[in-house]
Amino acid sequence: MRFLADESCDAFVVRALRSAGHDVRAVVDVARGATDHTVLALATAEQHVLLTEDKDFGQLVFAGAPSTGVILIRFPPPARARLPRAVLDVVAARGDGLQRAFVSVTPAGSRVLQLR
């Protein structure tokens, strides 16, 4: 699967996904400092699912901005050690179902909303 990791995305998540064989580009490498609109447009243009910890992307997507999918990570500091495994589990369980979906990943589990 192809992902674009926003600057807010935990580096351990990026490493875990790459180790699992996924194609993960990092905004910090290709568009450092880009606005949220630009990051979302880049992910969409390249057919990547966006990985982020920034809730603003939810506002953009649900206000109608085009998206090929977003994984919003919401893990508090005490649970961060479990974060990479939680994201890997969601990716393994949902696979291509992540395309055109908004997925919220928390220590309690994940919630998937299909996008139009």
C-alpha atoms as a PDB file:
ATOM      1  CA  MET A   1       0.000   0.000   0.000  1.00  0.00           C
ATOM      2  CA  ARG A   2       1.119   3.587  -0.645  1.00  0.00           C
ATOM      3  CA  PHE A   3       1.183   6.220   2.107  1.00  0.00           C
ATOM      4  CA  LEU A   4       2.176   9.843   2.540  1.00  0.00           C
ATOM      5  CA  ALA A   5       3.256  10.608   6.102  1.00  0.00           C
ATOM      6  CA  ASP A   6       2.455  14.136   7.244  1.00  0.00           C
ATOM      7  CA  GLU A   7       5.103  15.976   9.245  1.00  0.00           C
ATOM      8  CA  SER A   8       3.094  15.229  12.399  1.00  0.00           C
ATOM      9  CA  CYS A   9       3.249  11.462  11.827  1.00  0.00           C
ATOM     10  CA  ASP A  10       5.386   9.513  14.287  1.00  0.00           C
ATOM     11  CA  ALA A  11       8.668   8.332  12.716  1.00  0.00           C
ATOM     12  CA  PHE A  12       8.234   4.896  14.327  1.00  0.00           C
ATOM     13  CA  VAL A  13       5.010   4.441  12.328  1.00  0.00           C
ATOM     14  CA  VAL A  14       6.826   5.308   9.102  1.00  0.00           C
ATOM     15  CA  ARG A  15       9.633   2.847   9.879  1.00  0.00           C
ATOM     16  CA  ALA A  16       7.208   0.070  10.840  1.00  0.00           C
ATOM     17  CA  LEU A  17       5.209   0.460   7.629  1.00  0.00           C
ATOM     18  CA  ARG A  18       8.343   0.537   5.487  1.00  0.00           C
ATOM     19  CA  SER A  19       9.665  -2.564   7.265  1.00  0.00           C
ATOM     20  CA  ALA A  20       6.370  -4.290   6.457  1.00  0.00           C
ATOM     21  CA  GLY A  21       6.943  -3.559   2.753  1.00  0.00           C
ATOM     22  CA  HIS A  22       4.705  -0.532   2.280  1.00  0.00           C
ATOM     23  CA  ASP A  23       5.641   2.464   0.148  1.00  0.00           C
ATOM     24  CA  VAL A  24       5.790   5.433   2.538  1.00  0.00           C
ATOM     25  CA  ARG A  25       6.805   8.918   1.421  1.00  0.00           C
ATOM     26  CA  ALA A  26       7.367  11.563   4.080  1.00  0.00           C
ATOM     27  CA  VAL A  27       6.213  15.160   3.686  1.00  0.00           C
ATOM     28  CA  VAL A  28       9.348  16.242   5.510  1.00  0.00           C
ATOM     29  CA  ASP A  29      11.349  14.874   2.550  1.00  0.00           C
ATOM     30  CA  VAL A  30       9.175  16.073  -0.349  1.00  0.00           C
ATOM     31  CA  ALA A  31       7.301  19.204   0.794  1.00  0.00           C
ATOM     32  CA  ARG A  32       8.610  20.354   4.164  1.00  0.00           C
ATOM     33  CA  GLY A  33       6.426  23.093   5.658  1.00  0.00           C
ATOM     34  CA  ALA A  34       3.606  22.633   3.141  1.00  0.00           C
ATOM     35  CA  THR A  35       0.109  23.721   4.104  1.00  0.00           C
ATOM     36  CA  ASP A  36      -2.516  21.115   4.979  1.00  0.00           C
ATOM     37  CA  HIS A  37      -4.291  21.812   1.682  1.00  0.00           C
ATOM     38  CA  THR A  38      -1.067  21.182  -0.245  1.00  0.00           C
ATOM     39  CA  VAL A  39      -0.298  17.978   1.680  1.00  0.00           C
ATOM     40  CA  LEU A  40      -3.796  16.597   1.071  1.00  0.00           C
ATOM     41  CA  ALA A  41      -3.618  17.536  -2.622  1.00  0.00           C
ATOM     42  CA  LEU A  42      -0.216  15.833  -2.941  1.00  0.00           C
ATOM     43  CA  ALA A  43      -1.494  12.625  -1.324  1.00  0.00           C
ATOM     44  CA  THR A  44      -4.562  12.656  -3.563  1.00  0.00           C
ATOM     45  CA  ALA A  45      -2.634  13.351  -6.761  1.00  0.00           C
ATOM     46  CA  GLU A  46      -0.259  10.478  -6.041  1.00  0.00           C
ATOM     47  CA  GLN A  47      -3.026   8.121  -4.801  1.00  0.00           C
ATOM     48  CA  HIS A  48      -1.460   7.823  -1.343  1.00  0.00           C
ATOM     49  CA  VAL A  49      -3.359   7.346   1.908  1.00  0.00           C
ATOM     50  CA  LEU A  50      -2.378  10.204   4.221  1.00  0.00           C
ATOM     51  CA  LEU A  51      -0.986   9.340   7.668  1.00  0.00           C
ATOM     52  CA  THR A  52      -1.372  12.166  10.172  1.00  0.00           C
ATOM     53  CA  GLU A  53      -1.848  13.150  13.777  1.00  0.00           C
ATOM     54  CA  ASP A  54      -3.357  16.515  12.759  1.00  0.00           C
ATOM     55  CA  LYS A  55      -7.139  16.714  13.262  1.00  0.00           C
ATOM     56  CA  ASP A  56      -7.353  19.574  10.740  1.00  0.00           C
ATOM     57  CA  PHE A  57      -7.286  17.013   7.922  1.00  0.00           C
ATOM     58  CA  GLY A  58     -10.609  15.653   9.121  1.00  0.00           C
ATOM     59  CA  GLN A  59     -12.121  19.107   8.836  1.00  0.00           C
ATOM     60  CA  LEU A  60     -10.766  19.465   5.291  1.00  0.00           C
ATOM     61  CA  VAL A  61     -11.960  16.057   4.119  1.00  0.00           C
ATOM     62  CA  PHE A  62     -15.428  16.331   5.630  1.00  0.00           C
ATOM     63  CA  ALA A  63     -15.799  19.842   4.219  1.00  0.00           C
ATOM     64  CA  GLY A  64     -15.406  18.300   0.762  1.00  0.00           C
ATOM     65  CA  ALA A  65     -11.689  18.401  -0.052  1.00  0.00           C
ATOM     66  CA  PRO A  66     -10.737  15.512  -2.371  1.00  0.00           C
ATOM     67  CA  SER A  67      -8.936  12.654  -0.655  1.00  0.00           C
ATOM     68  CA  THR A  68      -7.810   9.126  -1.446  1.00  0.00           C
ATOM     69  CA  GLY A  69      -7.894   8.287   2.257  1.00  0.00           C
ATOM     70  CA  VAL A  70      -6.676   9.491   5.636  1.00  0.00           C
ATOM     71  CA  ILE A  71      -5.496   7.641   8.724  1.00  0.00           C
ATOM     72  CA  LEU A  72      -5.777   9.952  11.733  1.00  0.00           C
ATOM     73  CA  ILE A  73      -3.661   8.746  14.639  1.00  0.00           C
ATOM     74  CA  ARG A  74      -4.829   9.779  18.124  1.00  0.00           C
ATOM     75  CA  PHE A  75      -2.546   8.210  20.741  1.00  0.00           C
ATOM     76  CA  PRO A  76      -1.752   9.915  24.064  1.00  0.00           C
ATOM     77  CA  PRO A  77       1.850   9.806  25.343  1.00  0.00           C
ATOM     78  CA  PRO A  78       1.366   6.863  27.749  1.00  0.00           C
ATOM     79  CA  ALA A  79       0.163   4.635  24.879  1.00  0.00           C
ATOM     80  CA  ARG A  80       2.735   5.667  22.230  1.00  0.00           C
ATOM     81  CA  ALA A  81       4.743   2.444  22.523  1.00  0.00           C
ATOM     82  CA  ARG A  82       1.766   0.561  21.030  1.00  0.00           C
ATOM     83  CA  LEU A  83       1.278   3.040  18.171  1.00  0.00           C
ATOM     84  CA  PRO A  84       3.281   1.388  15.340  1.00  0.00           C
ATOM     85  CA  ARG A  85       1.667  -2.009  15.992  1.00  0.00           C
ATOM     86  CA  ALA A  86      -1.819  -0.457  16.073  1.00  0.00           C
ATOM     87  CA  VAL A  87      -1.312   1.198  12.674  1.00  0.00           C
ATOM     88  CA  LEU A  88       0.159  -1.995  11.180  1.00  0.00           C
ATOM     89  CA  ASP A  89      -2.839  -3.950  12.466  1.00  0.00           C
ATOM     90  CA  VAL A  90      -5.304  -1.497  10.896  1.00  0.00           C
ATOM     91  CA  VAL A  91      -3.469  -1.590   7.573  1.00  0.00           C
ATOM     92  CA  ALA A  92      -3.379  -5.390   7.614  1.00  0.00           C
ATOM     93  CA  ALA A  93      -7.052  -5.696   8.549  1.00  0.00           C
ATOM     94  CA  ARG A  94      -8.406  -3.019   6.196  1.00  0.00           C
ATOM     95  CA  GLY A  95      -6.031  -3.279   3.230  1.00  0.00           C
ATOM     96  CA  ASP A  96      -7.485  -1.630   0.140  1.00  0.00           C
ATOM     97  CA  GLY A  97     -10.477  -0.588   2.251  1.00  0.00           C
ATOM     98  CA  LEU A  98      -8.306   2.307   3.426  1.00  0.00           C
ATOM     99  CA  GLN A  99      -8.682   3.889   0.010  1.00  0.00           C
ATOM    100  CA  ARG A 100     -11.458   6.497   0.080  1.00  0.00           C
ATOM    101  CA  ALA A 101     -11.859   6.100   3.856  1.00  0.00           C
ATOM    102  CA  PHE A 102     -11.221   8.253   6.898  1.00  0.00           C
ATOM    103  CA  VAL A 103      -9.806   6.041   9.626  1.00  0.00           C
ATOM    104  CA  SER A 104      -9.293   7.107  13.215  1.00  0.00           C
ATOM    105  CA  VAL A 105      -6.818   4.964  15.155  1.00  0.00           C
ATOM    106  CA  THR A 106      -6.812   5.189  18.957  1.00  0.00           C
ATOM    107  CA  PRO A 107      -5.608   2.906  21.765  1.00  0.00           C
ATOM    108  CA  ALA A 108      -9.203   1.650  22.027  1.00  0.00           C
ATOM    109  CA  GLY A 109      -9.320   0.585  18.371  1.00  0.00           C
ATOM    110  CA  SER A 110     -10.180   2.075  15.009  1.00  0.00           C
ATOM    111  CA  ARG A 111     -13.194   3.656  13.383  1.00  0.00           C
ATOM    112  CA  VAL A 112     -13.675   3.754   9.618  1.00  0.00           C
ATOM    113  CA  LEU A 113     -15.863   6.194   7.720  1.00  0.00           C
ATOM    114  CA  GLN A 114     -16.147   5.759   3.964  1.00  0.00           C
ATOM    115  CA  LEU A 115     -15.622   8.911   1.934  1.00  0.00           C
ATOM    116  CA  ARG A 116     -17.662   9.758  -1.136  1.00  0.00           C
END
